[in-house]
Amino acid sequence: MIRLAAAILVALRLAAGGAGLTVDTDTPEAMCPDLAETRTAVAARVGEIEGAGNWHARYTIVHRPAHLTGDAVRLELEDSTGTVRLERLLPVTGRSCAAMAEAVAVVLEAYFHDTVERAATAAAEPTVAEPTPPPSPPPVTEIAPPSATAPPDRALAGELELMAGATGEGTIAGGVAVGIGGPTWRVGLVVSASPEVHSEQVAASGGSATSRTLEIRLPVILRARRARWSWGAGPELVLALERATTTSPLDPAPSWRAAPGAGAAGTLSYALTTTVAATIAVDVDATPAAWTRRFEVGDAEVLSPRTFRGFASAGLSFLWGG
């Protein structure tokens, strides 16, 4: 028993160190947990520590997105030499400020209790029963560096994208896309249009013919992701709707035609937040002329159908659900 008591005393001096244990915070304005309340809870559980040094406990509020289990309190314990002996991350979600102060005290108590028990066990006689394990401290959650933090993998999420870019003919265009998908795939609907018109002179009867185009695409994208970056590609169907008008006296009425086709789409995104991403997209499609009706004024064809179409754009994507 004398050896056991001596071992416990040595352990207290080595593990606790010095004139005592001080508790501070790097985020005093956060107010939760309150510093005074935390010091009171630690004093009630740990008590006084005597030895040849001074131990210093410090906690900091860490704000994190909800998918990383929310905000947390990072707790560090340094010995008299400044060496970090304990580091824990205590989740805040679902806990009051008083409960967080108590959690800090429980972790510190468990550390010193465990240190004393280990020293006592090593010095005790072989017949002495092994000590009861200390209570488990709150779970530890590692924090990834902010630059490498990836948005959550959503099982199924919706997506809205607003974009601006240029068509394959070099005219400016705008568009909107909606989609639904998971971490590795997305099915979408993309609608784009250009405010510019395509114009052509009607040689036979005078006047001119102009057309406006609305393009609808249905892409199926297979995606991959690394940290905040994601990229993907896949096939798509396209349907171009064109409306033609003329100033020719031979055929002044407007006319419509549809140009179906198929092609491929590719995307590159960078997650700005868990719900907003910057996106670049490229679409390249073929719309065979044989699948498209002709625009004619009199007996002359005008505004020949385009065989290839493209759309390059950049914009913002907004995610929800999942």
C-alpha atoms as a PDB file:
ATOM      1  CA  MET A   1       0.000   0.000   0.000  1.00  0.00           C
ATOM      2  CA  ILE A   2       2.893   2.376   0.711  1.00  0.00           C
ATOM      3  CA  ARG A   3       4.307   1.734  -2.794  1.00  0.00           C
ATOM      4  CA  LEU A   4       0.865   2.283  -4.301  1.00  0.00           C
ATOM      5  CA  ALA A   5       0.372   5.618  -2.528  1.00  0.00           C
ATOM      6  CA  ALA A   6       3.850   6.748  -3.565  1.00  0.00           C
ATOM      7  CA  ALA A   7       3.165   5.829  -7.191  1.00  0.00           C
ATOM      8  CA  ILE A   8      -0.064   7.822  -7.180  1.00  0.00           C
ATOM      9  CA  LEU A   9       1.741  10.865  -5.772  1.00  0.00           C
ATOM     10  CA  VAL A  10       4.467  10.619  -8.451  1.00  0.00           C
ATOM     11  CA  ALA A  11       1.882  10.274 -11.180  1.00  0.00           C
ATOM     12  CA  LEU A  12       0.091  13.404 -10.000  1.00  0.00           C
ATOM     13  CA  ARG A  13       3.309  15.362 -10.098  1.00  0.00           C
ATOM     14  CA  LEU A  14       4.298  14.098 -13.536  1.00  0.00           C
ATOM     15  CA  ALA A  15       0.866  14.225 -15.185  1.00  0.00           C
ATOM     16  CA  ALA A  16      -0.609  17.314 -13.568  1.00  0.00           C
ATOM     17  CA  GLY A  17       2.510  19.383 -13.013  1.00  0.00           C
ATOM     18  CA  GLY A  18       2.921  22.328 -11.008  1.00  0.00           C
ATOM     19  CA  ALA A  19       1.271  25.112  -9.249  1.00  0.00           C
ATOM     20  CA  GLY A  20      -2.058  24.040 -10.739  1.00  0.00           C
ATOM     21  CA  LEU A  21      -4.245  23.914 -13.820  1.00  0.00           C
ATOM     22  CA  THR A  22      -5.332  27.060 -15.658  1.00  0.00           C
ATOM     23  CA  VAL A  23      -8.232  27.146 -18.108  1.00  0.00           C
ATOM     24  CA  ASP A  24      -8.460  29.767 -20.887  1.00  0.00           C
ATOM     25  CA  THR A  25     -10.208  30.236 -24.232  1.00  0.00           C
ATOM     26  CA  ASP A  26      -9.077  31.651 -27.573  1.00  0.00           C
ATOM     27  CA  THR A  27     -12.656  32.738 -28.356  1.00  0.00           C
ATOM     28  CA  PRO A  28     -13.872  34.622 -25.264  1.00  0.00           C
ATOM     29  CA  GLU A  29     -16.495  36.566 -27.246  1.00  0.00           C
ATOM     30  CA  ALA A  30     -18.246  33.342 -28.296  1.00  0.00           C
ATOM     31  CA  MET A  31     -19.686  33.043 -24.751  1.00  0.00           C
ATOM     32  CA  CYS A  32     -20.532  29.366 -25.161  1.00  0.00           C
ATOM     33  CA  PRO A  33     -19.262  27.626 -23.185  1.00  0.00           C
ATOM     34  CA  ASP A  34     -18.774  30.519 -20.775  1.00  0.00           C
ATOM     35  CA  LEU A  35     -15.189  30.728 -19.472  1.00  0.00           C
ATOM     36  CA  ALA A  36     -16.179  31.303 -15.854  1.00  0.00           C
ATOM     37  CA  GLU A  37     -18.686  28.444 -15.970  1.00  0.00           C
ATOM     38  CA  THR A  38     -16.072  26.172 -17.544  1.00  0.00           C
ATOM     39  CA  ARG A  39     -13.479  27.009 -14.902  1.00  0.00           C
ATOM     40  CA  THR A  40     -16.037  26.267 -12.177  1.00  0.00           C
ATOM     41  CA  ALA A  41     -16.895  22.878 -13.731  1.00  0.00           C
ATOM     42  CA  VAL A  42     -13.204  21.953 -14.105  1.00  0.00           C
ATOM     43  CA  ALA A  43     -12.438  22.963 -10.491  1.00  0.00           C
ATOM     44  CA  ALA A  44     -15.367  20.870  -9.245  1.00  0.00           C
ATOM     45  CA  ARG A  45     -14.243  17.735 -11.120  1.00  0.00           C
ATOM     46  CA  VAL A  46     -10.424  17.995 -11.228  1.00  0.00           C
ATOM     47  CA  GLY A  47      -9.793  19.818  -7.959  1.00  0.00           C
ATOM     48  CA  GLU A  48      -6.326  21.085  -7.147  1.00  0.00           C
ATOM     49  CA  ILE A  49      -3.139  19.823  -8.805  1.00  0.00           C
ATOM     50  CA  GLU A  50       0.189  20.144  -7.041  1.00  0.00           C
ATOM     51  CA  GLY A  51       3.670  19.637  -8.416  1.00  0.00           C
ATOM     52  CA  ALA A  52       6.606  21.443 -10.007  1.00  0.00           C
ATOM     53  CA  GLY A  53       4.937  23.016 -12.997  1.00  0.00           C
ATOM     54  CA  ASN A  54       1.790  24.572 -14.353  1.00  0.00           C
ATOM     55  CA  TRP A  55      -0.628  22.870 -16.755  1.00  0.00           C
ATOM     56  CA  HIS A  56      -2.657  24.956 -19.195  1.00  0.00           C
ATOM     57  CA  ALA A  57      -5.989  23.942 -20.789  1.00  0.00           C
ATOM     58  CA  ARG A  58      -7.287  26.010 -23.704  1.00  0.00           C
ATOM     59  CA  TYR A  59     -10.463  25.652 -25.739  1.00  0.00           C
ATOM     60  CA  THR A  60     -11.544  27.244 -29.038  1.00  0.00           C
ATOM     61  CA  ILE A  61     -14.908  27.428 -30.834  1.00  0.00           C
ATOM     62  CA  VAL A  62     -14.699  25.854 -34.332  1.00  0.00           C
ATOM     63  CA  HIS A  63     -17.457  26.660 -36.822  1.00  0.00           C
ATOM     64  CA  ARG A  64     -18.126  23.939 -39.411  1.00  0.00           C
ATOM     65  CA  PRO A  65     -20.797  23.145 -42.039  1.00  0.00           C
ATOM     66  CA  ALA A  66     -23.716  21.005 -40.905  1.00  0.00           C
ATOM     67  CA  HIS A  67     -22.568  17.980 -42.945  1.00  0.00           C
ATOM     68  CA  LEU A  68     -19.420  17.800 -40.767  1.00  0.00           C
ATOM     69  CA  THR A  69     -21.685  17.373 -37.660  1.00  0.00           C
ATOM     70  CA  GLY A  70     -21.842  21.137 -37.007  1.00  0.00           C
ATOM     71  CA  ASP A  71     -19.838  23.403 -34.697  1.00  0.00           C
ATOM     72  CA  ALA A  72     -17.370  21.977 -32.184  1.00  0.00           C
ATOM     73  CA  VAL A  73     -15.090  22.948 -29.299  1.00  0.00           C
ATOM     74  CA  ARG A  74     -11.397  22.101 -29.748  1.00  0.00           C
ATOM     75  CA  LEU A  75      -9.717  21.384 -26.361  1.00  0.00           C
ATOM     76  CA  GLU A  76      -5.922  21.270 -25.883  1.00  0.00           C
ATOM     77  CA  LEU A  77      -3.960  20.515 -22.686  1.00  0.00           C
ATOM     78  CA  GLU A  78      -0.296  21.547 -22.384  1.00  0.00           C
ATOM     79  CA  ASP A  79       2.152  20.524 -19.655  1.00  0.00           C
ATOM     80  CA  SER A  80       4.650  22.845 -17.966  1.00  0.00           C
ATOM     81  CA  THR A  81       7.062  22.547 -20.936  1.00  0.00           C
ATOM     82  CA  GLY A  82       4.424  23.612 -23.479  1.00  0.00           C
ATOM     83  CA  THR A  83       4.057  20.105 -24.901  1.00  0.00           C
ATOM     84  CA  VAL A  84       0.520  19.273 -25.984  1.00  0.00           C
ATOM     85  CA  ARG A  85      -0.535  16.198 -23.992  1.00  0.00           C
ATOM     86  CA  LEU A  86      -4.217  16.083 -24.947  1.00  0.00           C
ATOM     87  CA  GLU A  87      -6.282  17.266 -27.895  1.00  0.00           C
ATOM     88  CA  ARG A  88      -9.986  16.624 -28.328  1.00  0.00           C
ATOM     89  CA  LEU A  89     -12.798  17.910 -30.551  1.00  0.00           C
ATOM     90  CA  LEU A  90     -16.145  18.070 -28.735  1.00  0.00           C
ATOM     91  CA  PRO A  91     -19.295  18.385 -30.946  1.00  0.00           C
ATOM     92  CA  VAL A  92     -21.644  21.218 -29.908  1.00  0.00           C
ATOM     93  CA  THR A  93     -24.790  20.024 -31.716  1.00  0.00           C
ATOM     94  CA  GLY A  94     -27.633  19.293 -29.287  1.00  0.00           C
ATOM     95  CA  ARG A  95     -25.735  20.482 -26.189  1.00  0.00           C
ATOM     96  CA  SER A  96     -26.347  23.542 -24.025  1.00  0.00           C
ATOM     97  CA  CYS A  97     -23.534  25.888 -22.985  1.00  0.00           C
ATOM     98  CA  ALA A  98     -23.588  24.381 -19.489  1.00  0.00           C
ATOM     99  CA  ALA A  99     -23.310  20.874 -20.958  1.00  0.00           C
ATOM    100  CA  MET A 100     -20.293  21.933 -23.062  1.00  0.00           C
ATOM    101  CA  ALA A 101     -18.567  23.353 -19.967  1.00  0.00           C
ATOM    102  CA  GLU A 102     -19.223  20.050 -18.191  1.00  0.00           C
ATOM    103  CA  ALA A 103     -17.886  18.104 -21.207  1.00  0.00           C
ATOM    104  CA  VAL A 104     -14.582  20.021 -21.029  1.00  0.00           C
ATOM    105  CA  ALA A 105     -14.330  19.192 -17.339  1.00  0.00           C
ATOM    106  CA  VAL A 106     -15.120  15.487 -17.955  1.00  0.00           C
ATOM    107  CA  VAL A 107     -12.338  15.199 -20.579  1.00  0.00           C
ATOM    108  CA  LEU A 108      -9.744  16.821 -18.302  1.00  0.00           C
ATOM    109  CA  GLU A 109     -10.829  14.698 -15.342  1.00  0.00           C
ATOM    110  CA  ALA A 110     -10.590  11.536 -17.451  1.00  0.00           C
ATOM    111  CA  TYR A 111      -7.078  12.468 -18.584  1.00  0.00           C
ATOM    112  CA  PHE A 112      -5.660  13.007 -15.107  1.00  0.00           C
ATOM    113  CA  HIS A 113      -7.577  10.033 -13.693  1.00  0.00           C
ATOM    114  CA  ASP A 114      -6.254   7.775 -16.447  1.00  0.00           C
ATOM    115  CA  THR A 115      -2.668   8.990 -15.903  1.00  0.00           C
ATOM    116  CA  VAL A 116      -2.850   8.241 -12.181  1.00  0.00           C
ATOM    117  CA  GLU A 117      -4.387   4.806 -12.762  1.00  0.00           C
ATOM    118  CA  ARG A 118      -1.652   3.829 -15.242  1.00  0.00           C
ATOM    119  CA  ALA A 119       1.095   4.835 -12.788  1.00  0.00           C
ATOM    120  CA  ALA A 120      -0.616   3.026  -9.911  1.00  0.00           C
ATOM    121  CA  THR A 121      -1.047  -0.151 -11.940  1.00  0.00           C
ATOM    122  CA  ALA A 122       2.632  -0.182 -12.928  1.00  0.00           C
ATOM    123  CA  ALA A 123       3.789   0.209  -9.317  1.00  0.00           C
ATOM    124  CA  ALA A 124       1.269  -2.114  -7.643  1.00  0.00           C
ATOM    125  CA  GLU A 125       2.002  -5.660  -6.492  1.00  0.00           C
ATOM    126  CA  PRO A 126       1.043  -8.492  -8.933  1.00  0.00           C
ATOM    127  CA  THR A 127      -1.848  -9.465  -6.637  1.00  0.00           C
ATOM    128  CA  VAL A 128      -3.436  -6.048  -6.824  1.00  0.00           C
ATOM    129  CA  ALA A 129      -6.521  -6.036  -9.071  1.00  0.00           C
ATOM    130  CA  GLU A 130      -6.308  -3.987 -12.255  1.00  0.00           C
ATOM    131  CA  PRO A 131      -7.979  -0.549 -11.977  1.00  0.00           C
ATOM    132  CA  THR A 132     -11.419   0.066 -13.417  1.00  0.00           C
ATOM    133  CA  PRO A 133     -11.165   1.797 -16.812  1.00  0.00           C
ATOM    134  CA  PRO A 134     -11.925   5.540 -16.652  1.00  0.00           C
ATOM    135  CA  PRO A 135     -15.128   6.882 -18.204  1.00  0.00           C
ATOM    136  CA  SER A 136     -14.858   7.375 -21.936  1.00  0.00           C
ATOM    137  CA  PRO A 137     -14.412  11.019 -23.004  1.00  0.00           C
ATOM    138  CA  PRO A 138     -16.707  12.548 -25.662  1.00  0.00           C
ATOM    139  CA  PRO A 139     -16.044  11.304 -29.203  1.00  0.00           C
ATOM    140  CA  VAL A 140     -13.186  12.847 -31.170  1.00  0.00           C
ATOM    141  CA  THR A 141     -13.911  14.178 -34.616  1.00  0.00           C
ATOM    142  CA  GLU A 142     -11.084  15.202 -36.925  1.00  0.00           C
ATOM    143  CA  ILE A 143     -11.360  18.469 -38.861  1.00  0.00           C
ATOM    144  CA  ALA A 144     -10.119  18.457 -42.440  1.00  0.00           C
ATOM    145  CA  PRO A 145      -8.341  21.608 -43.686  1.00  0.00           C
ATOM    146  CA  PRO A 146     -10.891  24.095 -45.121  1.00  0.00           C
ATOM    147  CA  SER A 147      -9.268  24.025 -48.573  1.00  0.00           C
ATOM    148  CA  ALA A 148      -9.746  20.258 -48.813  1.00  0.00           C
ATOM    149  CA  THR A 149     -13.239  20.041 -47.341  1.00  0.00           C
ATOM    150  CA  ALA A 150     -15.642  18.503 -49.836  1.00  0.00           C
ATOM    151  CA  PRO A 151     -19.374  19.091 -49.957  1.00  0.00           C
ATOM    152  CA  PRO A 152     -21.525  16.214 -48.728  1.00  0.00           C
ATOM    153  CA  ASP A 153     -22.326  13.208 -50.911  1.00  0.00           C
ATOM    154  CA  ARG A 154     -26.067  13.641 -51.418  1.00  0.00           C
ATOM    155  CA  ALA A 155     -27.942  10.413 -52.109  1.00  0.00           C
ATOM    156  CA  LEU A 156     -30.381  12.282 -54.376  1.00  0.00           C
ATOM    157  CA  ALA A 157     -30.384  16.038 -54.890  1.00  0.00           C
ATOM    158  CA  GLY A 158     -31.900  18.634 -57.182  1.00  0.00           C
ATOM    159  CA  GLU A 159     -29.840  21.179 -59.061  1.00  0.00           C
ATOM    160  CA  LEU A 160     -30.587  24.545 -60.691  1.00  0.00           C
ATOM    161  CA  GLU A 161     -27.995  26.254 -62.893  1.00  0.00           C
ATOM    162  CA  LEU A 162     -28.035  29.760 -64.363  1.00  0.00           C
ATOM    163  CA  MET A 163     -25.537  30.222 -67.186  1.00  0.00           C
ATOM    164  CA  ALA A 164     -24.276  32.540 -69.885  1.00  0.00           C
ATOM    165  CA  GLY A 165     -22.000  31.768 -72.819  1.00  0.00           C
ATOM    166  CA  ALA A 166     -21.768  31.494 -76.581  1.00  0.00           C
ATOM    167  CA  THR A 167     -23.217  29.283 -79.303  1.00  0.00           C
ATOM    168  CA  GLY A 168     -21.259  27.376 -81.904  1.00  0.00           C
ATOM    169  CA  GLU A 169     -21.765  30.316 -84.307  1.00  0.00           C
ATOM    170  CA  GLY A 170     -20.133  32.720 -81.858  1.00  0.00           C
ATOM    171  CA  THR A 171     -23.300  34.521 -80.751  1.00  0.00           C
ATOM    172  CA  ILE A 172     -23.910  35.220 -77.072  1.00  0.00           C
ATOM    173  CA  ALA A 173     -26.522  33.092 -75.340  1.00  0.00           C
ATOM    174  CA  GLY A 174     -28.054  32.499 -71.948  1.00  0.00           C
ATOM    175  CA  GLY A 175     -29.616  29.453 -70.429  1.00  0.00           C
ATOM    176  CA  VAL A 176     -31.077  27.693 -67.450  1.00  0.00           C
ATOM    177  CA  ALA A 177     -30.702  24.047 -66.439  1.00  0.00           C
ATOM    178  CA  VAL A 178     -32.473  21.846 -63.937  1.00  0.00           C
ATOM    179  CA  GLY A 179     -31.403  18.366 -62.983  1.00  0.00           C
ATOM    180  CA  ILE A 180     -31.547  15.580 -60.470  1.00  0.00           C
ATOM    181  CA  GLY A 181     -28.853  13.102 -59.532  1.00  0.00           C
ATOM    182  CA  GLY A 182     -26.504  11.568 -57.007  1.00  0.00           C
ATOM    183  CA  PRO A 183     -22.757  11.708 -56.262  1.00  0.00           C
ATOM    184  CA  THR A 184     -21.780   9.976 -59.536  1.00  0.00           C
ATOM    185  CA  TRP A 185     -24.536  10.883 -62.011  1.00  0.00           C
ATOM    186  CA  ARG A 186     -27.001  13.547 -63.102  1.00  0.00           C
ATOM    187  CA  VAL A 187     -29.911  13.753 -65.543  1.00  0.00           C
ATOM    188  CA  GLY A 188     -30.796  17.265 -66.632  1.00  0.00           C
ATOM    189  CA  LEU A 189     -32.849  19.546 -68.834  1.00  0.00           C
ATOM    190  CA  VAL A 190     -30.978  22.497 -70.390  1.00  0.00           C
ATOM    191  CA  VAL A 191     -32.769  25.324 -72.228  1.00  0.00           C
ATOM    192  CA  SER A 192     -30.681  27.979 -73.983  1.00  0.00           C
ATOM    193  CA  ALA A 193     -31.411  30.851 -76.353  1.00  0.00           C
ATOM    194  CA  SER A 194     -29.578  33.699 -78.022  1.00  0.00           C
ATOM    195  CA  PRO A 195     -30.960  37.257 -78.259  1.00  0.00           C
ATOM    196  CA  GLU A 196     -29.233  37.618 -81.628  1.00  0.00           C
ATOM    197  CA  VAL A 197     -30.982  36.668 -84.886  1.00  0.00           C
ATOM    198  CA  HIS A 198     -29.665  34.892 -87.938  1.00  0.00           C
ATOM    199  CA  SER A 199     -30.442  36.919 -91.072  1.00  0.00           C
ATOM    200  CA  GLU A 200     -30.210  36.128 -94.767  1.00  0.00           C
ATOM    201  CA  GLN A 201     -31.174  38.027 -97.919  1.00  0.00           C
ATOM    202  CA  VAL A 202     -33.865  36.561-100.197  1.00  0.00           C
ATOM    203  CA  ALA A 203     -32.356  36.985-103.641  1.00  0.00           C
ATOM    204  CA  ALA A 204     -35.341  35.865-105.732  1.00  0.00           C
ATOM    205  CA  SER A 205     -37.987  38.193-104.343  1.00  0.00           C
ATOM    206  CA  GLY A 206     -36.096  40.770-102.367  1.00  0.00           C
ATOM    207  CA  GLY A 207     -36.408  41.293 -98.645  1.00  0.00           C
ATOM    208  CA  SER A 208     -34.748  39.223 -95.975  1.00  0.00           C
ATOM    209  CA  ALA A 209     -35.352  36.171 -93.801  1.00  0.00           C
ATOM    210  CA  THR A 210     -34.448  35.995 -90.123  1.00  0.00           C
ATOM    211  CA  SER A 211     -34.614  33.231 -87.555  1.00  0.00           C
ATOM    212  CA  ARG A 212     -34.428  32.829 -83.783  1.00  0.00           C
ATOM    213  CA  THR A 213     -33.462  29.573 -82.118  1.00  0.00           C
ATOM    214  CA  LEU A 214     -34.331  27.915 -78.808  1.00  0.00           C
ATOM    215  CA  GLU A 215     -32.269  24.819 -77.970  1.00  0.00           C
ATOM    216  CA  ILE A 216     -33.382  22.131 -75.514  1.00  0.00           C
ATOM    217  CA  ARG A 217     -30.911  19.494 -74.313  1.00  0.00           C
ATOM    218  CA  LEU A 218     -31.317  16.351 -72.209  1.00  0.00           C
ATOM    219  CA  PRO A 219     -27.845  15.330 -70.919  1.00  0.00           C
ATOM    220  CA  VAL A 220     -26.961  12.282 -68.840  1.00  0.00           C
ATOM    221  CA  ILE A 221     -23.713  13.046 -67.000  1.00  0.00           C
ATOM    222  CA  LEU A 222     -21.425  10.571 -65.203  1.00  0.00           C
ATOM    223  CA  ARG A 223     -19.444  12.484 -62.588  1.00  0.00           C
ATOM    224  CA  ALA A 224     -16.350  12.129 -60.413  1.00  0.00           C
ATOM    225  CA  ARG A 225     -15.166  14.299 -57.533  1.00  0.00           C
ATOM    226  CA  ARG A 226     -12.018  15.222 -55.655  1.00  0.00           C
ATOM    227  CA  ALA A 227     -12.358  17.542 -52.646  1.00  0.00           C
ATOM    228  CA  ARG A 228     -14.291  20.601 -53.896  1.00  0.00           C
ATOM    229  CA  TRP A 229     -13.791  19.828 -57.605  1.00  0.00           C
ATOM    230  CA  SER A 230     -16.161  17.686 -59.661  1.00  0.00           C
ATOM    231  CA  TRP A 231     -16.216  16.892 -63.353  1.00  0.00           C
ATOM    232  CA  GLY A 232     -18.195  14.710 -65.720  1.00  0.00           C
ATOM    233  CA  ALA A 233     -19.274  13.937 -69.255  1.00  0.00           C
ATOM    234  CA  GLY A 234     -21.926  11.964 -71.054  1.00  0.00           C
ATOM    235  CA  PRO A 235     -24.313  11.714 -73.998  1.00  0.00           C
ATOM    236  CA  GLU A 236     -27.234  14.033 -74.632  1.00  0.00           C
ATOM    237  CA  LEU A 237     -30.213  14.573 -76.916  1.00  0.00           C
ATOM    238  CA  VAL A 238     -30.884  17.981 -78.441  1.00  0.00           C
ATOM    239  CA  LEU A 239     -33.920  19.595 -80.016  1.00  0.00           C
ATOM    240  CA  ALA A 240     -33.526  23.011 -81.697  1.00  0.00           C
ATOM    241  CA  LEU A 241     -36.720  24.980 -82.313  1.00  0.00           C
ATOM    242  CA  GLU A 242     -36.357  27.685 -84.994  1.00  0.00           C
ATOM    243  CA  ARG A 243     -38.835  30.406 -85.918  1.00  0.00           C
ATOM    244  CA  ALA A 244     -38.316  32.144 -89.256  1.00  0.00           C
ATOM    245  CA  THR A 245     -39.879  35.383 -90.496  1.00  0.00           C
ATOM    246  CA  THR A 246     -39.410  37.160 -93.832  1.00  0.00           C
ATOM    247  CA  THR A 247     -40.002  40.571 -95.306  1.00  0.00           C
ATOM    248  CA  SER A 248     -40.557  38.983 -98.709  1.00  0.00           C
ATOM    249  CA  PRO A 249     -44.000  39.542-100.273  1.00  0.00           C
ATOM    250  CA  LEU A 250     -43.954  35.892-101.420  1.00  0.00           C
ATOM    251  CA  ASP A 251     -44.143  34.393 -97.945  1.00  0.00           C
ATOM    252  CA  PRO A 252     -44.538  36.947 -95.141  1.00  0.00           C
ATOM    253  CA  ALA A 253     -45.992  34.459 -92.619  1.00  0.00           C
ATOM    254  CA  PRO A 254     -43.737  33.127 -89.829  1.00  0.00           C
ATOM    255  CA  SER A 255     -42.744  29.460 -89.948  1.00  0.00           C
ATOM    256  CA  TRP A 256     -41.455  26.921 -87.387  1.00  0.00           C
ATOM    257  CA  ARG A 257     -39.229  23.895 -87.661  1.00  0.00           C
ATOM    258  CA  ALA A 258     -37.622  21.413 -85.236  1.00  0.00           C
ATOM    259  CA  ALA A 259     -34.083  20.092 -85.641  1.00  0.00           C
ATOM    260  CA  PRO A 260     -33.504  16.950 -83.519  1.00  0.00           C
ATOM    261  CA  GLY A 261     -30.069  15.492 -82.885  1.00  0.00           C
ATOM    262  CA  ALA A 262     -27.635  14.057 -80.388  1.00  0.00           C
ATOM    263  CA  GLY A 263     -24.201  14.776 -79.015  1.00  0.00           C
ATOM    264  CA  ALA A 264     -22.146  14.961 -75.848  1.00  0.00           C
ATOM    265  CA  ALA A 265     -21.830  17.257 -72.850  1.00  0.00           C
ATOM    266  CA  GLY A 266     -19.067  17.908 -70.339  1.00  0.00           C
ATOM    267  CA  THR A 267     -19.005  19.843 -67.046  1.00  0.00           C
ATOM    268  CA  LEU A 268     -16.440  21.110 -64.539  1.00  0.00           C
ATOM    269  CA  SER A 269     -17.556  22.489 -61.140  1.00  0.00           C
ATOM    270  CA  TYR A 270     -15.984  23.945 -58.016  1.00  0.00           C
ATOM    271  CA  ALA A 271     -18.033  23.946 -54.796  1.00  0.00           C
ATOM    272  CA  LEU A 272     -18.100  27.442 -53.276  1.00  0.00           C
ATOM    273  CA  THR A 273     -20.305  26.271 -50.381  1.00  0.00           C
ATOM    274  CA  THR A 274     -22.250  23.105 -49.592  1.00  0.00           C
ATOM    275  CA  THR A 275     -25.110  24.329 -51.830  1.00  0.00           C
ATOM    276  CA  VAL A 276     -23.496  26.643 -54.420  1.00  0.00           C
ATOM    277  CA  ALA A 277     -20.935  25.775 -57.116  1.00  0.00           C
ATOM    278  CA  ALA A 278     -19.289  27.579 -60.016  1.00  0.00           C
ATOM    279  CA  THR A 279     -19.746  25.532 -63.208  1.00  0.00           C
ATOM    280  CA  ILE A 280     -18.354  25.450 -66.748  1.00  0.00           C
ATOM    281  CA  ALA A 281     -20.200  23.376 -69.359  1.00  0.00           C
ATOM    282  CA  VAL A 282     -19.626  22.497 -73.023  1.00  0.00           C
ATOM    283  CA  ASP A 283     -22.198  20.912 -75.371  1.00  0.00           C
ATOM    284  CA  VAL A 284     -21.422  19.641 -78.892  1.00  0.00           C
ATOM    285  CA  ASP A 285     -24.261  18.177 -80.991  1.00  0.00           C
ATOM    286  CA  ALA A 286     -25.087  17.015 -84.490  1.00  0.00           C
ATOM    287  CA  THR A 287     -28.489  17.808 -86.040  1.00  0.00           C
ATOM    288  CA  PRO A 288     -28.571  16.081 -89.455  1.00  0.00           C
ATOM    289  CA  ALA A 289     -30.125  18.187 -92.183  1.00  0.00           C
ATOM    290  CA  ALA A 290     -32.114  15.159 -93.383  1.00  0.00           C
ATOM    291  CA  TRP A 291     -34.081  15.233 -90.116  1.00  0.00           C
ATOM    292  CA  THR A 292     -35.072  18.902 -90.509  1.00  0.00           C
ATOM    293  CA  ARG A 293     -37.615  20.590 -92.789  1.00  0.00           C
ATOM    294  CA  ARG A 294     -36.575  23.477 -95.069  1.00  0.00           C
ATOM    295  CA  PHE A 295     -37.543  27.114 -94.952  1.00  0.00           C
ATOM    296  CA  GLU A 296     -38.545  28.273 -98.424  1.00  0.00           C
ATOM    297  CA  VAL A 297     -39.597  31.608 -99.906  1.00  0.00           C
ATOM    298  CA  GLY A 298     -41.197  30.952-103.261  1.00  0.00           C
ATOM    299  CA  ASP A 299     -39.105  28.143-104.710  1.00  0.00           C
ATOM    300  CA  ALA A 300     -35.866  29.207-103.042  1.00  0.00           C
ATOM    301  CA  GLU A 301     -34.506  27.743 -99.814  1.00  0.00           C
ATOM    302  CA  VAL A 302     -33.416  30.192 -97.118  1.00  0.00           C
ATOM    303  CA  LEU A 303     -31.822  29.749 -93.714  1.00  0.00           C
ATOM    304  CA  SER A 304     -30.316  26.318 -94.417  1.00  0.00           C
ATOM    305  CA  PRO A 305     -30.419  24.047 -91.354  1.00  0.00           C
ATOM    306  CA  ARG A 306     -27.227  23.807 -89.320  1.00  0.00           C
ATOM    307  CA  THR A 307     -25.605  20.387 -89.155  1.00  0.00           C
ATOM    308  CA  PHE A 308     -23.600  21.010 -85.977  1.00  0.00           C
ATOM    309  CA  ARG A 309     -24.490  22.986 -82.877  1.00  0.00           C
ATOM    310  CA  GLY A 310     -22.573  23.924 -79.769  1.00  0.00           C
ATOM    311  CA  PHE A 311     -22.969  25.820 -76.517  1.00  0.00           C
ATOM    312  CA  ALA A 312     -20.173  26.789 -74.115  1.00  0.00           C
ATOM    313  CA  SER A 313     -21.228  28.402 -70.856  1.00  0.00           C
ATOM    314  CA  ALA A 314     -20.279  29.346 -67.317  1.00  0.00           C
ATOM    315  CA  GLY A 315     -22.556  29.991 -64.378  1.00  0.00           C
ATOM    316  CA  LEU A 316     -23.667  29.133 -60.857  1.00  0.00           C
ATOM    317  CA  SER A 317     -25.312  25.915 -59.710  1.00  0.00           C
ATOM    318  CA  PHE A 318     -27.609  25.705 -56.687  1.00  0.00           C
ATOM    319  CA  LEU A 319     -28.257  22.360 -54.954  1.00  0.00           C
ATOM    320  CA  TRP A 320     -31.044  21.337 -52.608  1.00  0.00           C
ATOM    321  CA  GLY A 321     -32.363  18.210 -50.969  1.00  0.00           C
ATOM    322  CA  GLY A 322     -30.444  14.982 -50.399  1.00  0.00           C
END
